[in-house]
PDB file of all heavy atoms in Angstrom:
ATOM      1  N   TYR A   1       0.817  -1.252  -0.031  1.00  0.00           N
ATOM      2  CA  TYR A   1       0.002   0.028   0.041  1.00  0.00           C
ATOM      3  C   TYR A   1       0.878   1.258   0.012  1.00  0.00           C
ATOM      4  O   TYR A   1       2.022   1.241   0.476  1.00  0.00           O
ATOM      5  CB  TYR A   1      -0.888   0.019   1.227  1.00  0.00           C
ATOM      6  CG  TYR A   1      -1.766  -1.148   1.421  1.00  0.00           C
ATOM      7  CD1 TYR A   1      -1.354  -2.237   2.260  1.00  0.00           C
ATOM      8  CD2 TYR A   1      -2.957  -1.301   0.704  1.00  0.00           C
ATOM      9  CE1 TYR A   1      -2.197  -3.334   2.394  1.00  0.00           C
ATOM     10  CE2 TYR A   1      -3.784  -2.402   0.880  1.00  0.00           C
ATOM     11  CZ  TYR A   1      -3.365  -3.438   1.711  1.00  0.00           C
ATOM     12  OH  TYR A   1      -4.158  -4.520   1.845  1.00  0.00           O
ATOM     13  N   LEU A   2       0.292   2.380  -0.438  1.00  0.00           N
ATOM     14  CA  LEU A   2       0.891   3.649  -0.299  1.00  0.00           C
ATOM     15  C   LEU A   2      -0.177   4.665   0.123  1.00  0.00           C
ATOM     16  O   LEU A   2      -1.102   4.946  -0.675  1.00  0.00           O
ATOM     17  CB  LEU A   2       1.509   4.111  -1.634  1.00  0.00           C
ATOM     18  CG  LEU A   2       2.295   5.451  -1.531  1.00  0.00           C
ATOM     19  CD1 LEU A   2       3.549   5.251  -0.666  1.00  0.00           C
ATOM     20  CD2 LEU A   2       2.701   5.992  -2.918  1.00  0.00           C
ATOM     21  N   GLN A   3      -0.140   4.976   1.379  1.00  0.00           N
ATOM     22  CA  GLN A   3      -1.046   5.986   1.917  1.00  0.00           C
ATOM     23  C   GLN A   3      -0.490   7.376   1.691  1.00  0.00           C
ATOM     24  O   GLN A   3       0.610   7.632   2.081  1.00  0.00           O
ATOM     25  CB  GLN A   3      -1.305   5.805   3.405  1.00  0.00           C
ATOM     26  CG  GLN A   3      -2.142   6.830   4.101  1.00  0.00           C
ATOM     27  CD  GLN A   3      -3.593   6.691   3.617  1.00  0.00           C
ATOM     28  OE1 GLN A   3      -4.149   5.637   3.531  1.00  0.00           O
ATOM     29  NE2 GLN A   3      -4.210   7.873   3.369  1.00  0.00           N
ATOM     30  N   MET A   4      -1.252   8.209   1.018  1.00  0.00           N
ATOM     31  CA  MET A   4      -0.775   9.495   0.651  1.00  0.00           C
ATOM     32  C   MET A   4      -1.660  10.596   1.240  1.00  0.00           C
ATOM     33  O   MET A   4      -2.885  10.669   0.948  1.00  0.00           O
ATOM     34  CB  MET A   4      -0.763   9.652  -0.885  1.00  0.00           C
ATOM     35  CG  MET A   4       0.028   8.568  -1.682  1.00  0.00           C
ATOM     36  SD  MET A   4       0.123   8.810  -3.432  1.00  0.00           S
ATOM     37  CE  MET A   4      -1.566   8.696  -3.912  1.00  0.00           C
ATOM     38  N   ASN A   5      -1.071  11.357   2.088  1.00  0.00           N
ATOM     39  CA  ASN A   5      -1.758  12.494   2.804  1.00  0.00           C
ATOM     40  C   ASN A   5      -1.210  13.792   2.367  1.00  0.00           C
ATOM     41  O   ASN A   5      -0.088  13.868   1.865  1.00  0.00           O
ATOM     42  CB  ASN A   5      -1.681  12.252   4.318  1.00  0.00           C
ATOM     43  CG  ASN A   5      -2.284  11.006   4.780  1.00  0.00           C
ATOM     44  OD1 ASN A   5      -3.275  10.469   4.234  1.00  0.00           O
ATOM     45  ND2 ASN A   5      -1.772  10.412   5.860  1.00  0.00           N
ATOM     46  N   SER A   6      -1.920  14.812   2.685  1.00  0.00           N
ATOM     47  CA  SER A   6      -1.492  16.176   2.347  1.00  0.00           C
ATOM     48  C   SER A   6      -0.993  16.379   0.945  1.00  0.00           C
ATOM     49  O   SER A   6       0.096  16.879   0.674  1.00  0.00           O
ATOM     50  CB  SER A   6      -0.382  16.633   3.359  1.00  0.00           C
ATOM     51  OG  SER A   6      -0.865  16.545   4.698  1.00  0.00           O
ATOM     52  N   LEU A   7      -1.759  15.805   0.038  1.00  0.00           N
ATOM     53  CA  LEU A   7      -1.317  15.774  -1.374  1.00  0.00           C
ATOM     54  C   LEU A   7      -1.218  17.211  -1.896  1.00  0.00           C
ATOM     55  O   LEU A   7      -1.925  18.097  -1.568  1.00  0.00           O
ATOM     56  CB  LEU A   7      -2.297  14.964  -2.204  1.00  0.00           C
ATOM     57  CG  LEU A   7      -2.161  13.435  -2.054  1.00  0.00           C
ATOM     58  CD1 LEU A   7      -3.399  12.680  -2.452  1.00  0.00           C
ATOM     59  CD2 LEU A   7      -0.957  12.925  -2.821  1.00  0.00           C
ATOM     60  N   LYS A   8      -0.204  17.257  -2.839  1.00  0.00           N
ATOM     61  CA  LYS A   8       0.062  18.552  -3.524  1.00  0.00           C
ATOM     62  C   LYS A   8      -0.055  18.358  -5.019  1.00  0.00           C
ATOM     63  O   LYS A   8       0.102  17.263  -5.504  1.00  0.00           O
ATOM     64  CB  LYS A   8       1.556  18.993  -3.205  1.00  0.00           C
ATOM     65  CG  LYS A   8       1.867  19.096  -1.707  1.00  0.00           C
ATOM     66  CD  LYS A   8       3.347  19.337  -1.541  1.00  0.00           C
ATOM     67  CE  LYS A   8       3.669  19.436  -0.058  1.00  0.00           C
ATOM     68  NZ  LYS A   8       5.111  19.682   0.153  1.00  0.00           N
ATOM     69  N   PRO A   9      -0.247  19.451  -5.729  1.00  0.00           N
ATOM     70  CA  PRO A   9      -0.350  19.333  -7.207  1.00  0.00           C
ATOM     71  C   PRO A   9       0.880  18.681  -7.803  1.00  0.00           C
ATOM     72  O   PRO A   9       0.760  17.957  -8.807  1.00  0.00           O
ATOM     73  CB  PRO A   9      -0.508  20.797  -7.644  1.00  0.00           C
ATOM     74  CG  PRO A   9      -1.277  21.450  -6.511  1.00  0.00           C
ATOM     75  CD  PRO A   9      -0.634  20.772  -5.295  1.00  0.00           C
ATOM     76  N   GLU A  10       2.061  18.865  -7.186  1.00  0.00           N
ATOM     77  CA  GLU A  10       3.224  18.319  -7.706  1.00  0.00           C
ATOM     78  C   GLU A  10       3.344  16.807  -7.504  1.00  0.00           C
ATOM     79  O   GLU A  10       4.306  16.176  -7.960  1.00  0.00           O
ATOM     80  CB  GLU A  10       4.534  19.000  -7.165  1.00  0.00           C
ATOM     81  CG  GLU A  10       4.561  19.093  -5.676  1.00  0.00           C
ATOM     82  CD  GLU A  10       4.033  20.487  -5.198  1.00  0.00           C
ATOM     83  OE1 GLU A  10       2.998  20.972  -5.721  1.00  0.00           O
ATOM     84  OE2 GLU A  10       4.667  21.023  -4.285  1.00  0.00           O
ATOM     85  N   ASP A  11       2.404  16.265  -6.754  1.00  0.00           N
ATOM     86  CA  ASP A  11       2.328  14.782  -6.624  1.00  0.00           C
ATOM     87  C   ASP A  11       1.579  14.131  -7.783  1.00  0.00           C
ATOM     88  O   ASP A  11       1.599  12.878  -7.863  1.00  0.00           O
ATOM     89  CB  ASP A  11       1.591  14.382  -5.353  1.00  0.00           C
ATOM     90  CG  ASP A  11       2.367  14.815  -4.088  1.00  0.00           C
ATOM     91  OD1 ASP A  11       3.595  14.687  -4.023  1.00  0.00           O
ATOM     92  OD2 ASP A  11       1.724  15.331  -3.150  1.00  0.00           O
ATOM     93  N   THR A  12       1.058  14.889  -8.688  1.00  0.00           N
ATOM     94  CA  THR A  12       0.361  14.395  -9.847  1.00  0.00           C
ATOM     95  C   THR A  12       1.303  13.606 -10.717  1.00  0.00           C
ATOM     96  O   THR A  12       2.391  14.044 -11.066  1.00  0.00           O
ATOM     97  CB  THR A  12      -0.282  15.540 -10.699  1.00  0.00           C
ATOM     98  OG1 THR A  12      -1.266  16.131  -9.936  1.00  0.00           O
ATOM     99  CG2 THR A  12      -0.830  15.013 -11.980  1.00  0.00           C
ATOM    100  N   ALA A  13       0.933  12.335 -10.971  1.00  0.00           N
ATOM    101  CA  ALA A  13       1.849  11.440 -11.682  1.00  0.00           C
ATOM    102  C   ALA A  13       1.107  10.086 -11.884  1.00  0.00           C
ATOM    103  O   ALA A  13       0.108   9.822 -11.254  1.00  0.00           O
ATOM    104  CB  ALA A  13       3.127  11.148 -10.888  1.00  0.00           C
ATOM    105  N   VAL A  14       1.705   9.248 -12.673  1.00  0.00           N
ATOM    106  CA  VAL A  14       1.316   7.814 -12.754  1.00  0.00           C
ATOM    107  C   VAL A  14       2.211   7.121 -11.692  1.00  0.00           C
ATOM    108  O   VAL A  14       3.414   7.255 -11.703  1.00  0.00           O
ATOM    109  CB  VAL A  14       1.531   7.184 -14.082  1.00  0.00           C
ATOM    110  CG1 VAL A  14       1.174   5.692 -14.117  1.00  0.00           C
ATOM    111  CG2 VAL A  14       0.661   7.910 -15.145  1.00  0.00           C
ATOM    112  N   TYR A  15       1.557   6.408 -10.819  1.00  0.00           N
ATOM    113  CA  TYR A  15       2.296   5.663  -9.728  1.00  0.00           C
ATOM    114  C   TYR A  15       2.440   4.198 -10.104  1.00  0.00           C
ATOM    115  O   TYR A  15       1.380   3.508 -10.439  1.00  0.00           O
ATOM    116  CB  TYR A  15       1.539   5.873  -8.416  1.00  0.00           C
ATOM    117  CG  TYR A  15       1.754   7.270  -7.846  1.00  0.00           C
ATOM    118  CD1 TYR A  15       1.203   8.359  -8.406  1.00  0.00           C
ATOM    119  CD2 TYR A  15       2.590   7.407  -6.717  1.00  0.00           C
ATOM    120  CE1 TYR A  15       1.445   9.605  -7.911  1.00  0.00           C
ATOM    121  CE2 TYR A  15       2.829   8.684  -6.186  1.00  0.00           C
ATOM    122  CZ  TYR A  15       2.241   9.771  -6.785  1.00  0.00           C
ATOM    123  OH  TYR A  15       2.452  11.091  -6.255  1.00  0.00           O
ATOM    124  N   TYR A  16       3.613   3.643  -9.916  1.00  0.00           N
ATOM    125  CA  TYR A  16       3.902   2.315 -10.265  1.00  0.00           C
ATOM    126  C   TYR A  16       4.411   1.555  -9.001  1.00  0.00           C
ATOM    127  O   TYR A  16       5.264   2.098  -8.309  1.00  0.00           O
ATOM    128  CB  TYR A  16       5.019   2.229 -11.327  1.00  0.00           C
ATOM    129  CG  TYR A  16       4.650   2.814 -12.648  1.00  0.00           C
ATOM    130  CD1 TYR A  16       4.943   4.185 -12.846  1.00  0.00           C
ATOM    131  CD2 TYR A  16       4.073   2.083 -13.647  1.00  0.00           C
ATOM    132  CE1 TYR A  16       4.674   4.752 -14.071  1.00  0.00           C
ATOM    133  CE2 TYR A  16       3.786   2.658 -14.882  1.00  0.00           C
ATOM    134  CZ  TYR A  16       4.060   4.067 -15.087  1.00  0.00           C
ATOM    135  OH  TYR A  16       3.791   4.589 -16.301  1.00  0.00           O
ATOM    136  N   CYS A  17       3.960   0.342  -8.781  1.00  0.00           N
ATOM    137  CA  CYS A  17       4.610  -0.473  -7.769  1.00  0.00           C
ATOM    138  C   CYS A  17       5.563  -1.396  -8.524  1.00  0.00           C
ATOM    139  O   CYS A  17       5.436  -1.776  -9.702  1.00  0.00           O
ATOM    140  CB  CYS A  17       3.611  -1.248  -6.948  1.00  0.00           C
ATOM    141  SG  CYS A  17       2.787  -2.568  -7.786  1.00  0.00           S
ATOM    142  N   ALA A  18       6.573  -1.865  -7.757  1.00  0.00           N
ATOM    143  CA  ALA A  18       7.615  -2.655  -8.335  1.00  0.00           C
ATOM    144  C   ALA A  18       8.171  -3.689  -7.284  1.00  0.00           C
ATOM    145  O   ALA A  18       8.188  -3.314  -6.116  1.00  0.00           O
ATOM    146  CB  ALA A  18       8.763  -1.840  -8.867  1.00  0.00           C
ATOM    147  N   SER A  19       8.600  -4.821  -7.748  1.00  0.00           N
ATOM    148  CA  SER A  19       9.153  -5.863  -6.874  1.00  0.00           C
ATOM    149  C   SER A  19      10.657  -5.961  -7.123  1.00  0.00           C
ATOM    150  O   SER A  19      11.067  -5.969  -8.283  1.00  0.00           O
ATOM    151  CB  SER A  19       8.455  -7.168  -7.232  1.00  0.00           C
ATOM    152  OG  SER A  19       8.999  -8.217  -6.446  1.00  0.00           O
ATOM    153  N   HIS A  20      11.351  -6.074  -6.038  1.00  0.00           N
ATOM    154  CA  HIS A  20      12.821  -6.226  -6.161  1.00  0.00           C
ATOM    155  C   HIS A  20      13.216  -7.497  -6.959  1.00  0.00           C
ATOM    156  O   HIS A  20      12.484  -8.488  -6.850  1.00  0.00           O
ATOM    157  CB  HIS A  20      13.488  -6.162  -4.758  1.00  0.00           C
ATOM    158  CG  HIS A  20      14.894  -5.742  -4.810  1.00  0.00           C
ATOM    159  ND1 HIS A  20      15.911  -6.637  -5.104  1.00  0.00           N
ATOM    160  CD2 HIS A  20      15.477  -4.553  -4.611  1.00  0.00           C
ATOM    161  CE1 HIS A  20      17.076  -5.978  -5.018  1.00  0.00           C
ATOM    162  NE2 HIS A  20      16.826  -4.737  -4.741  1.00  0.00           N
ATOM    163  N   LYS A  21      14.357  -7.420  -7.603  1.00  0.00           N
ATOM    164  CA  LYS A  21      14.798  -8.553  -8.392  1.00  0.00           C
ATOM    165  C   LYS A  21      15.207  -9.724  -7.539  1.00  0.00           C
ATOM    166  O   LYS A  21      15.127 -10.867  -7.914  1.00  0.00           O
ATOM    167  CB  LYS A  21      15.974  -8.107  -9.265  1.00  0.00           C
ATOM    168  CG  LYS A  21      15.619  -7.221 -10.454  1.00  0.00           C
ATOM    169  CD  LYS A  21      16.862  -6.923 -11.220  1.00  0.00           C
ATOM    170  CE  LYS A  21      16.530  -6.037 -12.436  1.00  0.00           C
ATOM    171  NZ  LYS A  21      17.758  -5.619 -13.157  1.00  0.00           N
ATOM    172  N   ASN A  22      15.806  -9.413  -6.342  1.00  0.00           N
ATOM    173  CA  ASN A  22      16.424 -10.394  -5.501  1.00  0.00           C
ATOM    174  C   ASN A  22      15.555 -10.743  -4.236  1.00  0.00           C
ATOM    175  O   ASN A  22      15.166  -9.806  -3.551  1.00  0.00           O
ATOM    176  CB  ASN A  22      17.772  -9.966  -5.075  1.00  0.00           C
ATOM    177  CG  ASN A  22      18.706  -9.711  -6.272  1.00  0.00           C
ATOM    178  OD1 ASN A  22      18.706 -10.486  -7.245  1.00  0.00           O
ATOM    179  ND2 ASN A  22      19.435  -8.612  -6.215  1.00  0.00           N
ATOM    180  N   SER A  23      15.345 -11.976  -3.991  1.00  0.00           N
ATOM    181  CA  SER A  23      14.570 -12.336  -2.789  1.00  0.00           C
ATOM    182  C   SER A  23      15.478 -12.223  -1.562  1.00  0.00           C
ATOM    183  O   SER A  23      16.706 -12.248  -1.640  1.00  0.00           O
ATOM    184  CB  SER A  23      14.122 -13.771  -2.959  1.00  0.00           C
ATOM    185  OG  SER A  23      15.169 -14.690  -3.133  1.00  0.00           O
ATOM    186  N   TRP A  24      14.841 -12.015  -0.433  1.00  0.00           N
ATOM    187  CA  TRP A  24      15.457 -11.906   0.854  1.00  0.00           C
ATOM    188  C   TRP A  24      16.555 -10.793   0.883  1.00  0.00           C
ATOM    189  O   TRP A  24      17.558 -10.979   1.596  1.00  0.00           O
ATOM    190  CB  TRP A  24      15.998 -13.212   1.346  1.00  0.00           C
ATOM    191  CG  TRP A  24      15.072 -14.404   1.230  1.00  0.00           C
ATOM    192  CD1 TRP A  24      15.138 -15.438   0.438  1.00  0.00           C
ATOM    193  CD2 TRP A  24      13.808 -14.539   1.953  1.00  0.00           C
ATOM    194  NE1 TRP A  24      14.033 -16.249   0.601  1.00  0.00           N
ATOM    195  CE2 TRP A  24      13.202 -15.748   1.561  1.00  0.00           C
ATOM    196  CE3 TRP A  24      13.170 -13.778   2.944  1.00  0.00           C
ATOM    197  CZ2 TRP A  24      12.000 -16.152   2.024  1.00  0.00           C
ATOM    198  CZ3 TRP A  24      11.957 -14.219   3.450  1.00  0.00           C
ATOM    199  CH2 TRP A  24      11.352 -15.370   3.013  1.00  0.00           C
ATOM    200  N   PHE A  25      16.341  -9.814   0.122  1.00  0.00           N
ATOM    201  CA  PHE A  25      17.309  -8.680   0.035  1.00  0.00           C
ATOM    202  C   PHE A  25      16.540  -7.337   0.260  1.00  0.00           C
ATOM    203  O   PHE A  25      15.499  -7.141  -0.358  1.00  0.00           O
ATOM    204  CB  PHE A  25      17.980  -8.677  -1.346  1.00  0.00           C
ATOM    205  CG  PHE A  25      18.947  -7.499  -1.506  1.00  0.00           C
ATOM    206  CD1 PHE A  25      20.296  -7.626  -1.003  1.00  0.00           C
ATOM    207  CD2 PHE A  25      18.570  -6.285  -2.114  1.00  0.00           C
ATOM    208  CE1 PHE A  25      21.143  -6.545  -1.154  1.00  0.00           C
ATOM    209  CE2 PHE A  25      19.424  -5.206  -2.196  1.00  0.00           C
ATOM    210  CZ  PHE A  25      20.712  -5.376  -1.724  1.00  0.00           C
ATOM    211  N   ASN A  26      17.106  -6.516   1.124  1.00  0.00           N
ATOM    212  CA  ASN A  26      16.466  -5.277   1.389  1.00  0.00           C
ATOM    213  C   ASN A  26      17.320  -4.093   0.897  1.00  0.00           C
ATOM    214  O   ASN A  26      18.477  -3.949   1.245  1.00  0.00           O
ATOM    215  CB  ASN A  26      16.273  -5.075   2.923  1.00  0.00           C
ATOM    216  CG  ASN A  26      15.230  -6.033   3.416  1.00  0.00           C
ATOM    217  OD1 ASN A  26      14.167  -6.238   2.729  1.00  0.00           O
ATOM    218  ND2 ASN A  26      15.445  -6.505   4.591  1.00  0.00           N
ATOM    219  N   PRO A  27      16.784  -3.246  -0.009  1.00  0.00           N
ATOM    220  CA  PRO A  27      17.558  -2.109  -0.523  1.00  0.00           C
ATOM    221  C   PRO A  27      17.819  -1.101   0.537  1.00  0.00           C
ATOM    222  O   PRO A  27      17.127  -1.041   1.517  1.00  0.00           O
ATOM    223  CB  PRO A  27      16.674  -1.552  -1.655  1.00  0.00           C
ATOM    224  CG  PRO A  27      15.251  -1.970  -1.258  1.00  0.00           C
ATOM    225  CD  PRO A  27      15.375  -3.305  -0.509  1.00  0.00           C
ATOM    226  N   MET A  28      18.811  -0.361   0.279  1.00  0.00           N
ATOM    227  CA  MET A  28      19.218   0.719   1.214  1.00  0.00           C
ATOM    228  C   MET A  28      19.208   2.040   0.456  1.00  0.00           C
ATOM    229  O   MET A  28      19.537   2.119  -0.728  1.00  0.00           O
ATOM    230  CB  MET A  28      20.620   0.510   1.759  1.00  0.00           C
ATOM    231  CG  MET A  28      20.847  -0.818   2.426  1.00  0.00           C
ATOM    232  SD  MET A  28      20.133  -0.828   4.101  1.00  0.00           S
ATOM    233  CE  MET A  28      21.275   0.191   4.973  1.00  0.00           C
ATOM    234  N   GLY A  29      18.708   3.079   1.111  1.00  0.00           N
ATOM    235  CA  GLY A  29      18.732   4.395   0.481  1.00  0.00           C
ATOM    236  C   GLY A  29      17.707   4.515  -0.644  1.00  0.00           C
ATOM    237  O   GLY A  29      16.743   3.749  -0.731  1.00  0.00           O
ATOM    238  N   VAL A  30      17.989   5.495  -1.499  1.00  0.00           N
ATOM    239  CA  VAL A  30      17.077   5.777  -2.622  1.00  0.00           C
ATOM    240  C   VAL A  30      16.975   4.543  -3.540  1.00  0.00           C
ATOM    241  O   VAL A  30      17.950   3.978  -3.944  1.00  0.00           O
ATOM    242  CB  VAL A  30      17.555   7.015  -3.390  1.00  0.00           C
ATOM    243  CG1 VAL A  30      16.662   7.181  -4.656  1.00  0.00           C
ATOM    244  CG2 VAL A  30      17.514   8.196  -2.501  1.00  0.00           C
ATOM    245  N   GLY A  31      15.777   4.136  -3.877  1.00  0.00           N
ATOM    246  CA  GLY A  31      15.582   3.014  -4.702  1.00  0.00           C
ATOM    247  C   GLY A  31      15.991   3.291  -6.125  1.00  0.00           C
ATOM    248  O   GLY A  31      15.724   4.357  -6.680  1.00  0.00           O
ATOM    249  N   ARG A  32      16.652   2.295  -6.730  1.00  0.00           N
ATOM    250  CA  ARG A  32      17.052   2.414  -8.163  1.00  0.00           C
ATOM    251  C   ARG A  32      16.141   1.539  -9.038  1.00  0.00           C
ATOM    252  O   ARG A  32      15.894   0.379  -8.721  1.00  0.00           O
ATOM    253  CB  ARG A  32      18.473   1.973  -8.332  1.00  0.00           C
ATOM    254  CG  ARG A  32      19.488   2.705  -7.494  1.00  0.00           C
ATOM    255  CD  ARG A  32      20.880   2.320  -7.883  1.00  0.00           C
ATOM    256  NE  ARG A  32      21.052   0.860  -7.771  1.00  0.00           N
ATOM    257  CZ  ARG A  32      22.059   0.237  -8.417  1.00  0.00           C
ATOM    258  NH1 ARG A  32      22.943   0.938  -9.137  1.00  0.00           N
ATOM    259  NH2 ARG A  32      22.106  -1.099  -8.357  1.00  0.00           N
ATOM    260  N   GLU A  33      15.664   2.069 -10.137  1.00  0.00           N
ATOM    261  CA  GLU A  33      14.778   1.345 -11.052  1.00  0.00           C
ATOM    262  C   GLU A  33      15.446   0.002 -11.488  1.00  0.00           C
ATOM    263  O   GLU A  33      14.724  -1.005 -11.598  1.00  0.00           O
ATOM    264  CB  GLU A  33      14.474   2.170 -12.244  1.00  0.00           C
ATOM    265  CG  GLU A  33      13.471   3.252 -12.085  1.00  0.00           C
ATOM    266  CD  GLU A  33      13.019   3.805 -13.397  1.00  0.00           C
ATOM    267  OE1 GLU A  33      12.521   3.102 -14.213  1.00  0.00           O
ATOM    268  OE2 GLU A  33      13.136   5.076 -13.548  1.00  0.00           O
ATOM    269  N   ALA A  34      16.668   0.045 -11.664  1.00  0.00           N
ATOM    270  CA  ALA A  34      17.382  -1.170 -12.252  1.00  0.00           C
ATOM    271  C   ALA A  34      17.362  -2.343 -11.252  1.00  0.00           C
ATOM    272  O   ALA A  34      17.563  -3.485 -11.656  1.00  0.00           O
ATOM    273  CB  ALA A  34      18.799  -0.829 -12.579  1.00  0.00           C
ATOM    274  N   ASP A  35      17.111  -2.062  -9.976  1.00  0.00           N
ATOM    275  CA  ASP A  35      17.062  -3.153  -8.961  1.00  0.00           C
ATOM    276  C   ASP A  35      15.706  -3.827  -8.885  1.00  0.00           C
ATOM    277  O   ASP A  35      15.533  -4.799  -8.226  1.00  0.00           O
ATOM    278  CB  ASP A  35      17.420  -2.593  -7.599  1.00  0.00           C
ATOM    279  CG  ASP A  35      18.866  -2.145  -7.534  1.00  0.00           C
ATOM    280  OD1 ASP A  35      19.679  -2.662  -8.293  1.00  0.00           O
ATOM    281  OD2 ASP A  35      19.158  -1.263  -6.666  1.00  0.00           O
ATOM    282  N   PHE A  36      14.678  -3.226  -9.563  1.00  0.00           N
ATOM    283  CA  PHE A  36      13.343  -3.794  -9.466  1.00  0.00           C
ATOM    284  C   PHE A  36      12.936  -4.367 -10.787  1.00  0.00           C
ATOM    285  O   PHE A  36      12.997  -3.713 -11.833  1.00  0.00           O
ATOM    286  CB  PHE A  36      12.394  -2.701  -9.023  1.00  0.00           C
ATOM    287  CG  PHE A  36      12.651  -2.248  -7.622  1.00  0.00           C
ATOM    288  CD1 PHE A  36      13.602  -1.250  -7.370  1.00  0.00           C
ATOM    289  CD2 PHE A  36      11.966  -2.765  -6.586  1.00  0.00           C
ATOM    290  CE1 PHE A  36      13.876  -0.865  -6.063  1.00  0.00           C
ATOM    291  CE2 PHE A  36      12.193  -2.378  -5.261  1.00  0.00           C
ATOM    292  CZ  PHE A  36      13.157  -1.482  -4.983  1.00  0.00           C
ATOM    293  N   GLY A  37      12.656  -5.676 -10.797  1.00  0.00           N
ATOM    294  CA  GLY A  37      12.459  -6.399 -12.087  1.00  0.00           C
ATOM    295  C   GLY A  37      11.067  -6.522 -12.528  1.00  0.00           C
ATOM    296  O   GLY A  37      10.818  -6.814 -13.736  1.00  0.00           O
ATOM    297  N   SER A  38      10.043  -6.363 -11.654  1.00  0.00           N
ATOM    298  CA  SER A  38       8.630  -6.557 -12.034  1.00  0.00           C
ATOM    299  C   SER A  38       7.935  -5.248 -11.734  1.00  0.00           C
ATOM    300  O   SER A  38       8.062  -4.713 -10.651  1.00  0.00           O
ATOM    301  CB  SER A  38       8.023  -7.711 -11.308  1.00  0.00           C
ATOM    302  OG  SER A  38       8.669  -8.912 -11.662  1.00  0.00           O
ATOM    303  N   TRP A  39       7.071  -4.818 -12.697  1.00  0.00           N
ATOM    304  CA  TRP A  39       6.368  -3.540 -12.561  1.00  0.00           C
ATOM    305  C   TRP A  39       4.907  -3.707 -12.885  1.00  0.00           C
ATOM    306  O   TRP A  39       4.550  -4.526 -13.713  1.00  0.00           O
ATOM    307  CB  TRP A  39       7.022  -2.553 -13.536  1.00  0.00           C
ATOM    308  CG  TRP A  39       8.373  -2.169 -13.233  1.00  0.00           C
ATOM    309  CD1 TRP A  39       9.472  -2.914 -13.549  1.00  0.00           C
ATOM    310  CD2 TRP A  39       8.876  -1.056 -12.511  1.00  0.00           C
ATOM    311  NE1 TRP A  39      10.635  -2.275 -13.055  1.00  0.00           N
ATOM    312  CE2 TRP A  39      10.266  -1.098 -12.416  1.00  0.00           C
ATOM    313  CE3 TRP A  39       8.233   0.046 -11.950  1.00  0.00           C
ATOM    314  CZ2 TRP A  39      11.034  -0.143 -11.749  1.00  0.00           C
ATOM    315  CZ3 TRP A  39       9.002   1.032 -11.350  1.00  0.00           C
ATOM    316  CH2 TRP A  39      10.346   0.928 -11.237  1.00  0.00           C
ATOM    317  N   GLY A  40       4.110  -2.947 -12.197  1.00  0.00           N
ATOM    318  CA  GLY A  40       2.730  -2.911 -12.593  1.00  0.00           C
ATOM    319  C   GLY A  40       2.512  -1.948 -13.708  1.00  0.00           C
ATOM    320  O   GLY A  40       3.423  -1.344 -14.241  1.00  0.00           O
ATOM    321  N   GLN A  41       1.189  -1.815 -14.116  1.00  0.00           N
ATOM    322  CA  GLN A  41       0.881  -0.975 -15.271  1.00  0.00           C
ATOM    323  C   GLN A  41       0.699   0.458 -14.923  1.00  0.00           C
ATOM    324  O   GLN A  41       0.632   1.337 -15.781  1.00  0.00           O
ATOM    325  CB  GLN A  41      -0.468  -1.511 -15.886  1.00  0.00           C
ATOM    326  CG  GLN A  41      -1.731  -1.015 -15.249  1.00  0.00           C
ATOM    327  CD  GLN A  41      -1.973  -1.638 -13.869  1.00  0.00           C
ATOM    328  OE1 GLN A  41      -1.313  -2.596 -13.467  1.00  0.00           O
ATOM    329  NE2 GLN A  41      -2.926  -1.061 -13.162  1.00  0.00           N
ATOM    330  N   GLY A  42       0.659   0.775 -13.572  1.00  0.00           N
ATOM    331  CA  GLY A  42       0.520   2.139 -13.180  1.00  0.00           C
ATOM    332  C   GLY A  42      -0.913   2.519 -12.845  1.00  0.00           C
ATOM    333  O   GLY A  42      -1.880   2.044 -13.452  1.00  0.00           O
ATOM    334  N   THR A  43      -1.072   3.532 -11.979  1.00  0.00           N
ATOM    335  CA  THR A  43      -2.395   4.109 -11.658  1.00  0.00           C
ATOM    336  C   THR A  43      -2.178   5.620 -11.568  1.00  0.00           C
ATOM    337  O   THR A  43      -1.246   6.153 -11.044  1.00  0.00           O
ATOM    338  CB  THR A  43      -3.027   3.534 -10.350  1.00  0.00           C
ATOM    339  OG1 THR A  43      -4.233   4.027 -10.166  1.00  0.00           O
ATOM    340  CG2 THR A  43      -2.144   3.905  -9.113  1.00  0.00           C
TER     341      THR A  43
END
């Protein structure tokens, strides 16, 4: 889930969820697209 409060006009976008490529691995810091291998179609 992504709970979004106090929304601003600059939050306008297509939002995508993604699953990391590697199991049992937790990313650190800012997420990189290249580390996520499966993507939804967006909302």
